[in-house]
């Protein structure tokens, strides 16, 4: 991990197309701005973790639904 010290109003460049702006430094927090191409996803870590958890739960529900549907169809014969 690279650790940098910046003052309010200073910037950090990441590659050619991402810029981090230190907007304000207050008591216990730092406000930052991020300039990046539209195709780059930017989110707070806790939001990303919540999305991952929701996706895992949805996948589990979908699997359970499929297993239930398959078990219901096992004994069901279609007319030919």
PDB file of N, CA and C in Angstrom:
ATOM      1  N   UNK A   1       0.849  -1.169   0.000  1.00  0.00           N
ATOM      2  CA  UNK A   1       0.000   0.000   0.000  1.00  0.00           C
ATOM      3  C   UNK A   1       0.896   1.234   0.000  1.00  0.00           C
ATOM      4  N   UNK A   2       0.543   2.171  -0.848  1.00  0.00           N
ATOM      5  CA  UNK A   2       1.243   3.454  -0.901  1.00  0.00           C
ATOM      6  C   UNK A   2       0.481   4.429  -0.018  1.00  0.00           C
ATOM      7  N   UNK A   3       1.174   5.080   0.892  1.00  0.00           N
ATOM      8  CA  UNK A   3       0.547   6.068   1.766  1.00  0.00           C
ATOM      9  C   UNK A   3       1.138   7.431   1.429  1.00  0.00           C
ATOM     10  N   UNK A   4       0.257   8.380   1.118  1.00  0.00           N
ATOM     11  CA  UNK A   4       0.666   9.726   0.746  1.00  0.00           C
ATOM     12  C   UNK A   4       0.079  10.739   1.718  1.00  0.00           C
ATOM     13  N   UNK A   5       0.779  11.821   1.914  1.00  0.00           N
ATOM     14  CA  UNK A   5       0.266  12.931   2.712  1.00  0.00           C
ATOM     15  C   UNK A   5      -0.099  14.055   1.758  1.00  0.00           C
ATOM     16  N   UNK A   6      -1.309  14.537   1.865  1.00  0.00           N
ATOM     17  CA  UNK A   6      -1.789  15.618   1.008  1.00  0.00           C
ATOM     18  C   UNK A   6      -2.506  16.638   1.877  1.00  0.00           C
ATOM     19  N   UNK A   7      -2.528  17.880   1.417  1.00  0.00           N
ATOM     20  CA  UNK A   7      -3.260  18.950   2.088  1.00  0.00           C
ATOM     21  C   UNK A   7      -4.530  19.231   1.291  1.00  0.00           C
ATOM     22  N   UNK A   8      -5.469  19.909   1.922  1.00  0.00           N
ATOM     23  CA  UNK A   8      -6.698  20.281   1.224  1.00  0.00           C
ATOM     24  C   UNK A   8      -6.337  21.052  -0.044  1.00  0.00           C
ATOM     25  N   UNK A   9      -6.993  20.695  -1.136  1.00  0.00           N
ATOM     26  CA  UNK A   9      -6.737  21.343  -2.421  1.00  0.00           C
ATOM     27  C   UNK A   9      -5.705  20.624  -3.276  1.00  0.00           C
ATOM     28  N   UNK A  10      -4.968  19.692  -2.688  1.00  0.00           N
ATOM     29  CA  UNK A  10      -3.971  18.951  -3.455  1.00  0.00           C
ATOM     30  C   UNK A  10      -4.613  17.717  -4.090  1.00  0.00           C
ATOM     31  N   UNK A  11      -3.914  17.149  -5.063  1.00  0.00           N
ATOM     32  CA  UNK A  11      -4.458  16.039  -5.838  1.00  0.00           C
ATOM     33  C   UNK A  11      -3.482  14.870  -5.890  1.00  0.00           C
ATOM     34  N   UNK A  12      -4.031  13.720  -6.257  1.00  0.00           N
ATOM     35  CA  UNK A  12      -3.237  12.507  -6.494  1.00  0.00           C
ATOM     36  C   UNK A  12      -3.684  11.951  -7.837  1.00  0.00           C
ATOM     37  N   UNK A  13      -2.722  11.602  -8.689  1.00  0.00           N
ATOM     38  CA  UNK A  13      -3.037  11.004  -9.990  1.00  0.00           C
ATOM     39  C   UNK A  13      -2.849   9.496  -9.922  1.00  0.00           C
ATOM     40  N   UNK A  14      -3.788   8.764 -10.537  1.00  0.00           N
ATOM     41  CA  UNK A  14      -3.669   7.313 -10.665  1.00  0.00           C
ATOM     42  C   UNK A  14      -3.736   7.015 -12.154  1.00  0.00           C
ATOM     43  N   UNK A  15      -2.643   6.573 -12.703  1.00  0.00           N
ATOM     44  CA  UNK A  15      -2.582   6.341 -14.143  1.00  0.00           C
ATOM     45  C   UNK A  15      -2.783   7.641 -14.894  1.00  0.00           C
ATOM     46  N   UNK A  16      -3.292   7.525 -16.113  1.00  0.00           N
ATOM     47  CA  UNK A  16      -3.481   8.706 -16.956  1.00  0.00           C
ATOM     48  C   UNK A  16      -4.857   9.340 -16.798  1.00  0.00           C
ATOM     49  N   UNK A  17      -5.814   8.617 -16.227  1.00  0.00           N
ATOM     50  CA  UNK A  17      -7.173   9.122 -16.306  1.00  0.00           C
ATOM     51  C   UNK A  17      -7.965   9.143 -15.000  1.00  0.00           C
ATOM     52  N   UNK A  18      -7.293   8.988 -13.864  1.00  0.00           N
ATOM     53  CA  UNK A  18      -7.988   9.067 -12.581  1.00  0.00           C
ATOM     54  C   UNK A  18      -7.265  10.077 -11.692  1.00  0.00           C
ATOM     55  N   UNK A  19      -8.046  11.012 -11.147  1.00  0.00           N
ATOM     56  CA  UNK A  19      -7.490  12.026 -10.249  1.00  0.00           C
ATOM     57  C   UNK A  19      -8.296  12.042  -8.962  1.00  0.00           C
ATOM     58  N   UNK A  20      -7.596  12.019  -7.837  1.00  0.00           N
ATOM     59  CA  UNK A  20      -8.210  12.113  -6.517  1.00  0.00           C
ATOM     60  C   UNK A  20      -7.939  13.530  -6.001  1.00  0.00           C
ATOM     61  N   UNK A  21      -9.006  14.239  -5.640  1.00  0.00           N
ATOM     62  CA  UNK A  21      -8.895  15.598  -5.107  1.00  0.00           C
ATOM     63  C   UNK A  21      -9.143  15.561  -3.606  1.00  0.00           C
ATOM     64  N   UNK A  22      -8.258  16.152  -2.824  1.00  0.00           N
ATOM     65  CA  UNK A  22      -8.513  16.322  -1.391  1.00  0.00           C
ATOM     66  C   UNK A  22      -9.302  17.621  -1.275  1.00  0.00           C
ATOM     67  N   UNK A  23     -10.606  17.492  -1.030  1.00  0.00           N
ATOM     68  CA  UNK A  23     -11.492  18.648  -1.034  1.00  0.00           C
ATOM     69  C   UNK A  23     -11.444  19.391   0.293  1.00  0.00           C
ATOM     70  N   UNK A  24     -11.521  18.636   1.392  1.00  0.00           N
ATOM     71  CA  UNK A  24     -11.566  19.269   2.709  1.00  0.00           C
ATOM     72  C   UNK A  24     -11.055  18.293   3.748  1.00  0.00           C
ATOM     73  N   UNK A  25     -10.403  18.821   4.756  1.00  0.00           N
ATOM     74  CA  UNK A  25      -9.943  18.000   5.875  1.00  0.00           C
ATOM     75  C   UNK A  25     -10.594  18.570   7.122  1.00  0.00           C
ATOM     76  N   UNK A  26     -11.363  17.725   7.820  1.00  0.00           N
ATOM     77  CA  UNK A  26     -12.064  18.183   9.015  1.00  0.00           C
ATOM     78  C   UNK A  26     -11.711  17.322  10.198  1.00  0.00           C
ATOM     79  N   UNK A  27     -12.498  17.478  11.250  1.00  0.00           N
ATOM     80  CA  UNK A  27     -12.297  16.673  12.458  1.00  0.00           C
ATOM     81  C   UNK A  27     -12.671  15.235  12.180  1.00  0.00           C
ATOM     82  N   UNK A  28     -11.709  14.357  12.105  1.00  0.00           N
ATOM     83  CA  UNK A  28     -11.975  12.931  11.975  1.00  0.00           C
ATOM     84  C   UNK A  28     -12.375  12.461  10.590  1.00  0.00           C
ATOM     85  N   UNK A  29     -12.372  13.338   9.589  1.00  0.00           N
ATOM     86  CA  UNK A  29     -12.702  12.864   8.248  1.00  0.00           C
ATOM     87  C   UNK A  29     -12.014  13.700   7.180  1.00  0.00           C
ATOM     88  N   UNK A  30     -12.005  13.156   6.003  1.00  0.00           N
ATOM     89  CA  UNK A  30     -11.424  13.822   4.842  1.00  0.00           C
ATOM     90  C   UNK A  30     -12.441  13.728   3.718  1.00  0.00           C
ATOM     91  N   UNK A  31     -12.737  14.828   3.067  1.00  0.00           N
ATOM     92  CA  UNK A  31     -13.638  14.807   1.904  1.00  0.00           C
ATOM     93  C   UNK A  31     -12.768  14.735   0.663  1.00  0.00           C
ATOM     94  N   UNK A  32     -13.080  13.765  -0.198  1.00  0.00           N
ATOM     95  CA  UNK A  32     -12.307  13.621  -1.433  1.00  0.00           C
ATOM     96  C   UNK A  32     -13.252  13.629  -2.629  1.00  0.00           C
ATOM     97  N   UNK A  33     -12.707  14.015  -3.750  1.00  0.00           N
ATOM     98  CA  UNK A  33     -13.423  13.946  -5.015  1.00  0.00           C
ATOM     99  C   UNK A  33     -12.638  13.034  -5.939  1.00  0.00           C
ATOM    100  N   UNK A  34     -13.344  12.319  -6.793  1.00  0.00           N
ATOM    101  CA  UNK A  34     -12.695  11.386  -7.706  1.00  0.00           C
ATOM    102  C   UNK A  34     -13.121  11.724  -9.129  1.00  0.00           C
ATOM    103  N   UNK A  35     -12.150  11.967  -9.984  1.00  0.00           N
ATOM    104  CA  UNK A  35     -12.410  12.137 -11.416  1.00  0.00           C
ATOM    105  C   UNK A  35     -11.913  10.886 -12.109  1.00  0.00           C
ATOM    106  N   UNK A  36     -12.815  10.226 -12.838  1.00  0.00           N
ATOM    107  CA  UNK A  36     -12.461   8.992 -13.529  1.00  0.00           C
ATOM    108  C   UNK A  36     -13.380   8.823 -14.735  1.00  0.00           C
ATOM    109  N   UNK A  37     -12.965   8.014 -15.709  1.00  0.00           N
ATOM    110  CA  UNK A  37     -13.839   7.744 -16.851  1.00  0.00           C
ATOM    111  C   UNK A  37     -15.148   7.109 -16.383  1.00  0.00           C
ATOM    112  N   UNK A  38     -16.218   7.306 -17.159  1.00  0.00           N
ATOM    113  CA  UNK A  38     -17.540   6.783 -16.792  1.00  0.00           C
ATOM    114  C   UNK A  38     -17.546   5.276 -16.635  1.00  0.00           C
ATOM    115  N   UNK A  39     -16.690   4.564 -17.373  1.00  0.00           N
ATOM    116  CA  UNK A  39     -16.699   3.098 -17.297  1.00  0.00           C
ATOM    117  C   UNK A  39     -16.019   2.563 -16.028  1.00  0.00           C
ATOM    118  N   UNK A  40     -15.414   3.437 -15.235  1.00  0.00           N
ATOM    119  CA  UNK A  40     -14.777   3.028 -13.981  1.00  0.00           C
ATOM    120  C   UNK A  40     -15.806   3.134 -12.862  1.00  0.00           C
ATOM    121  N   UNK A  41     -16.061   2.026 -12.175  1.00  0.00           N
ATOM    122  CA  UNK A  41     -17.002   2.021 -11.062  1.00  0.00           C
ATOM    123  C   UNK A  41     -16.313   2.542  -9.814  1.00  0.00           C
ATOM    124  N   UNK A  42     -16.951   3.490  -9.153  1.00  0.00           N
ATOM    125  CA  UNK A  42     -16.410   4.064  -7.919  1.00  0.00           C
ATOM    126  C   UNK A  42     -17.495   3.968  -6.861  1.00  0.00           C
ATOM    127  N   UNK A  43     -17.174   3.338  -5.735  1.00  0.00           N
ATOM    128  CA  UNK A  43     -18.140   3.255  -4.647  1.00  0.00           C
ATOM    129  C   UNK A  43     -17.412   3.096  -3.321  1.00  0.00           C
ATOM    130  N   UNK A  44     -18.124   3.438  -2.250  1.00  0.00           N
ATOM    131  CA  UNK A  44     -17.562   3.210  -0.919  1.00  0.00           C
ATOM    132  C   UNK A  44     -17.452   1.713  -0.693  1.00  0.00           C
ATOM    133  N   UNK A  45     -16.435   1.303   0.043  1.00  0.00           N
ATOM    134  CA  UNK A  45     -16.184  -0.117   0.260  1.00  0.00           C
ATOM    135  C   UNK A  45     -17.374  -0.809   0.901  1.00  0.00           C
ATOM    136  N   UNK A  46     -18.011  -0.173   1.876  1.00  0.00           N
ATOM    137  CA  UNK A  46     -19.138  -0.822   2.556  1.00  0.00           C
ATOM    138  C   UNK A  46     -20.317  -1.030   1.611  1.00  0.00           C
ATOM    139  N   UNK A  47     -20.481  -0.167   0.632  1.00  0.00           N
ATOM    140  CA  UNK A  47     -21.539  -0.348  -0.367  1.00  0.00           C
ATOM    141  C   UNK A  47     -21.214  -1.562  -1.239  1.00  0.00           C
ATOM    142  N   UNK A  48     -19.968  -1.673  -1.678  1.00  0.00           N
ATOM    143  CA  UNK A  48     -19.542  -2.816  -2.478  1.00  0.00           C
ATOM    144  C   UNK A  48     -19.714  -4.129  -1.727  1.00  0.00           C
ATOM    145  N   UNK A  49     -19.375  -4.127  -0.445  1.00  0.00           N
ATOM    146  CA  UNK A  49     -19.540  -5.333   0.363  1.00  0.00           C
ATOM    147  C   UNK A  49     -21.012  -5.705   0.491  1.00  0.00           C
ATOM    148  N   UNK A  50     -21.874  -4.725   0.653  1.00  0.00           N
ATOM    149  CA  UNK A  50     -23.310  -4.986   0.772  1.00  0.00           C
ATOM    150  C   UNK A  50     -23.856  -5.575  -0.535  1.00  0.00           C
ATOM    151  N   UNK A  51     -23.412  -5.039  -1.664  1.00  0.00           N
ATOM    152  CA  UNK A  51     -23.843  -5.561  -2.966  1.00  0.00           C
ATOM    153  C   UNK A  51     -23.397  -7.008  -3.129  1.00  0.00           C
ATOM    154  N   UNK A  52     -22.151  -7.306  -2.762  1.00  0.00           N
ATOM    155  CA  UNK A  52     -21.649  -8.683  -2.849  1.00  0.00           C
ATOM    156  C   UNK A  52     -22.487  -9.625  -1.998  1.00  0.00           C
ATOM    157  N   UNK A  53     -22.820  -9.202  -0.784  1.00  0.00           N
ATOM    158  CA  UNK A  53     -23.629 -10.038   0.116  1.00  0.00           C
ATOM    159  C   UNK A  53     -25.025 -10.257  -0.467  1.00  0.00           C
ATOM    160  N   UNK A  54     -25.633  -9.208  -0.986  1.00  0.00           N
ATOM    161  CA  UNK A  54     -26.960  -9.341  -1.606  1.00  0.00           C
ATOM    162  C   UNK A  54     -26.899 -10.292  -2.796  1.00  0.00           C
ATOM    163  N   UNK A  55     -25.841 -10.215  -3.590  1.00  0.00           N
ATOM    164  CA  UNK A  55     -25.691 -11.118  -4.735  1.00  0.00           C
ATOM    165  C   UNK A  55     -25.553 -12.569  -4.287  1.00  0.00           C
ATOM    166  N   UNK A  56     -24.780 -12.800  -3.218  1.00  0.00           N
ATOM    167  CA  UNK A  56     -24.641 -14.160  -2.685  1.00  0.00           C
ATOM    168  C   UNK A  56     -25.986 -14.687  -2.202  1.00  0.00           C
ATOM    169  N   UNK A  57     -26.750 -13.847  -1.494  1.00  0.00           N
ATOM    170  CA  UNK A  57     -28.052 -14.272  -0.986  1.00  0.00           C
ATOM    171  C   UNK A  57     -29.012 -14.555  -2.140  1.00  0.00           C
ATOM    172  N   UNK A  58     -28.985 -13.719  -3.175  1.00  0.00           N
ATOM    173  CA  UNK A  58     -29.867 -13.923  -4.329  1.00  0.00           C
ATOM    174  C   UNK A  58     -29.506 -15.212  -5.060  1.00  0.00           C
ATOM    175  N   UNK A  59     -28.214 -15.488  -5.203  1.00  0.00           N
ATOM    176  CA  UNK A  59     -27.780 -16.712  -5.873  1.00  0.00           C
ATOM    177  C   UNK A  59     -28.231 -17.938  -5.082  1.00  0.00           C
ATOM    178  N   UNK A  60     -28.155 -17.855  -3.764  1.00  0.00           N
ATOM    179  CA  UNK A  60     -28.588 -18.971  -2.919  1.00  0.00           C
ATOM    180  C   UNK A  60     -30.095 -19.187  -3.062  1.00  0.00           C
ATOM    181  N   UNK A  61     -30.868 -18.095  -3.062  1.00  0.00           N
ATOM    182  CA  UNK A  61     -32.322 -18.208  -3.237  1.00  0.00           C
ATOM    183  C   UNK A  61     -32.644 -18.814  -4.601  1.00  0.00           C
ATOM    184  N   UNK A  62     -31.939 -18.349  -5.642  1.00  0.00           N
ATOM    185  CA  UNK A  62     -32.186 -18.885  -6.987  1.00  0.00           C
ATOM    186  C   UNK A  62     -31.878 -20.372  -7.042  1.00  0.00           C
ATOM    187  N   UNK A  63     -30.781 -20.799  -6.416  1.00  0.00           N
ATOM    188  CA  UNK A  63     -30.418 -22.212  -6.407  1.00  0.00           C
ATOM    189  C   UNK A  63     -31.484 -23.018  -5.682  1.00  0.00           C
ATOM    190  N   UNK A  64     -31.922 -22.521  -4.533  1.00  0.00           N
ATOM    191  CA  UNK A  64     -32.955 -23.230  -3.774  1.00  0.00           C
ATOM    192  C   UNK A  64     -34.253 -23.332  -4.577  1.00  0.00           C
ATOM    193  N   UNK A  65     -34.615 -22.291  -5.301  1.00  0.00           N
ATOM    194  CA  UNK A  65     -35.819 -22.302  -6.130  1.00  0.00           C
ATOM    195  C   UNK A  65     -35.685 -23.333  -7.235  1.00  0.00           C
ATOM    196  N   UNK A  66     -34.510 -23.395  -7.870  1.00  0.00           N
ATOM    197  CA  UNK A  66     -34.280 -24.374  -8.936  1.00  0.00           C
ATOM    198  C   UNK A  66     -34.332 -25.806  -8.410  1.00  0.00           C
ATOM    199  N   UNK A  67     -33.724 -26.034  -7.252  1.00  0.00           N
ATOM    200  CA  UNK A  67     -33.739 -27.373  -6.655  1.00  0.00           C
ATOM    201  C   UNK A  67     -35.174 -27.776  -6.340  1.00  0.00           C
ATOM    202  N   UNK A  68     -35.947 -26.857  -5.799  1.00  0.00           N
ATOM    203  CA  UNK A  68     -37.346 -27.143  -5.475  1.00  0.00           C
ATOM    204  C   UNK A  68     -38.138 -27.442  -6.750  1.00  0.00           C
ATOM    205  N   UNK A  69     -37.954 -26.644  -7.786  1.00  0.00           N
ATOM    206  CA  UNK A  69     -38.670 -26.860  -9.049  1.00  0.00           C
ATOM    207  C   UNK A  69     -38.289 -28.210  -9.664  1.00  0.00           C
ATOM    208  N   UNK A  70     -36.999 -28.547  -9.615  1.00  0.00           N
ATOM    209  CA  UNK A  70     -36.542 -29.826 -10.171  1.00  0.00           C
ATOM    210  C   UNK A  70     -37.163 -30.986  -9.413  1.00  0.00           C
ATOM    211  N   UNK A  71     -37.247 -30.874  -8.097  1.00  0.00           N
ATOM    212  CA  UNK A  71     -37.823 -31.972  -7.314  1.00  0.00           C
ATOM    213  C   UNK A  71     -39.320 -32.118  -7.603  1.00  0.00           C
ATOM    214  N   UNK A  72     -39.996 -31.014  -7.876  1.00  0.00           N
ATOM    215  CA  UNK A  72     -41.417 -31.075  -8.212  1.00  0.00           C
ATOM    216  C   UNK A  72     -41.629 -31.724  -9.576  1.00  0.00           C
ATOM    217  N   UNK A  73     -40.706 -31.498 -10.493  1.00  0.00           N
ATOM    218  CA  UNK A  73     -40.839 -32.030 -11.849  1.00  0.00           C
ATOM    219  C   UNK A  73     -40.371 -33.479 -11.981  1.00  0.00           C
ATOM    220  N   UNK A  74     -39.616 -33.977 -11.016  1.00  0.00           N
ATOM    221  CA  UNK A  74     -39.087 -35.342 -11.101  1.00  0.00           C
ATOM    222  C   UNK A  74     -40.167 -36.371 -11.353  1.00  0.00           C
ATOM    223  N   UNK A  75     -41.229 -36.308 -10.613  1.00  0.00           N
ATOM    224  CA  UNK A  75     -42.290 -37.296 -10.750  1.00  0.00           C
ATOM    225  C   UNK A  75     -43.304 -36.945 -11.816  1.00  0.00           C
ATOM    226  N   UNK A  76     -43.202 -35.773 -12.397  1.00  0.00           N
ATOM    227  CA  UNK A  76     -44.170 -35.308 -13.392  1.00  0.00           C
ATOM    228  C   UNK A  76     -43.741 -35.743 -14.794  1.00  0.00           C
ATOM    229  N   UNK A  77     -44.605 -36.499 -15.484  1.00  0.00           N
ATOM    230  CA  UNK A  77     -44.296 -36.952 -16.835  1.00  0.00           C
ATOM    231  C   UNK A  77     -45.074 -36.109 -17.840  1.00  0.00           C
ATOM    232  N   UNK A  78     -44.413 -35.734 -18.910  1.00  0.00           N
ATOM    233  CA  UNK A  78     -45.089 -34.947 -19.936  1.00  0.00           C
ATOM    234  C   UNK A  78     -45.756 -35.875 -20.930  1.00  0.00           C
ATOM    235  N   UNK A  79     -46.853 -35.409 -21.549  1.00  0.00           N
ATOM    236  CA  UNK A  79     -47.543 -36.189 -22.570  1.00  0.00           C
ATOM    237  C   UNK A  79     -46.747 -36.105 -23.863  1.00  0.00           C
ATOM    238  N   UNK A  80     -46.631 -37.222 -24.541  1.00  0.00           N
ATOM    239  CA  UNK A  80     -45.863 -37.231 -25.795  1.00  0.00           C
ATOM    240  C   UNK A  80     -46.783 -37.343 -26.963  1.00  0.00           C
TER     241      UNK A  80
END
